[in-house]
Amino acid sequence: MTATLQGRNLASTELDSHGQGRVCAKPLVGVFDLFTGKGGVQSVMGTLLPRLTTHYDIVAFNPYRNEAYAKRLAGSNVVMDPLVSHAPLTPYVGGTSRLDRVVRLAMRSPWMLSVAWSLRRWVVQHKPDLVYFNYLPLATHFSRAIPVGSTKLVFHSHGHRSADEITEASLRQLDRRFDQVIAVSEITKHFLCEAGVREDQVEVIYNSVDLEGIRAQATSWPEDVPRYDEQTLVFSQVGAYSRKKGQHISIEAFCRLPQRHRSTLWLCGDVLAGGDRSYAQSLREMAANSDVAERIHFLGWREDVPQVLQASDVVLMPSTTDCESFGLALCEAMSLEKPVIGSTRGGVPEVIGQSEAGMIVEPNAASLVVAMEKLAEDDLLRQRMGRQGHLRVVNRFTPEIQVEKVRLLIDRVLRAK
């Protein structure tokens, strides 16, 4: 970090049109996160931040020393800074009841205060042009550690279950301190504005997927996964095991699929830190007790998700709640010309569009199996949807599009008085 920031302070000199020297330095942006595991937000930042370094000096704070986050940014010009000297042994706070969680949070408070104080000290010392937050609770509480008027603030909203979960304290802090809010989908903006955030303060900027990077990785069959002949159709779902992701719906629908369709189901993921392990166990029991147990495979966390998607024929996302604000795995599948089936919840319909790239169904097994059977029976339909999905990604969800929109927003914030 020191070398990068010293380089910024020294600045560089170029000649203007009159032959006179002028000082050029990229604006400094700090990105604050408390990532405790793997997830979509880390993937989004892993795609976005390295590309923003063309325009800004980026310092990403990683107090929990999250290895997955660090790996996503390794080899880029993003500087990683843990802010504090140590991380808790167990990042996830957890709690089996409200009282238990309050006690655990109280125990974590000294460390949280240390992080907040370190953030304040960093801002005072390095005088960043902007500090960027990804989670609303963090934006609400840790932005208070930043001296008023010392820097501009941006909040990147990656989704909400409803307007009700956005607290009055968060609304007040967004209104008082934050210059701009990014929403990853129209429904995310809807929840923000319904809660009371000013509409002119929120801009929708969709997430992106690295087409070239995904295609470069998707060149071989995934390791430790059964191979099938060309007549066997592979349905897959990628995501943390969680009831809101709807893996139970995928299993039930797959069990209902007529036996004449030679097919298999892959569930790629596992339980996040602090997640419901009883739900994951119920999925395995559900599969084991079915008549097609030998054709349902639990793949666990994978470093080769592009290979898994490339080996799939249809990708599922029957999310049950609106907290699925975008549907990154669907977008990745579409980039590989795979037809997708998503639910009517959250931002999933915005990703798929008007059924040109896939099918949109209610999040229940009866609706999902109808769509699965339709795609299983029609090779040409799968191919057509795959091509349309790829075109949709190229036209809407590339890193170039996202980076340019974020850059314009940040520059607009920096120019404003």
Foldseek 3Di string as FASTA:
>chain_A
DVVLLVCQVVFDWDADPVRDIDGDHAFEEEEEDADQWDDDVLVLCLLFVLVLVVRHAYEYAYLQVYVVSCVSNPPGNHHYHNLDDHHDPHSDQAAPDPVRSVVSVVVCVVVVVSSLLSVQVCCVVRQGQEYEYEDLVCLLPSVVSHDPPSYAYEYEYAFDQALVVCDPSSQVSCVPGHQAYEYQAPVRLVSVVVNPHDNVRYDYFHGFDALVVLVVLQPDADPPDDDDDPQEAEEEEEDEQAVQQQPVLVLLLVLVADPVRRYAYEYEEYHTRNGDVVSVVVSLVSLVPGPPNVRYYYHYHDPRLSNVLLSHQEYEGLGQTQRNAACVSCLSSLLSLHAYEYEPHHRDCVLLDPQQQYYYYHNHSVGVNVRVNVCSVDVVSRNRSSVVSSVSSVVGHHSVRNNVVVVVVSVVSSPDD
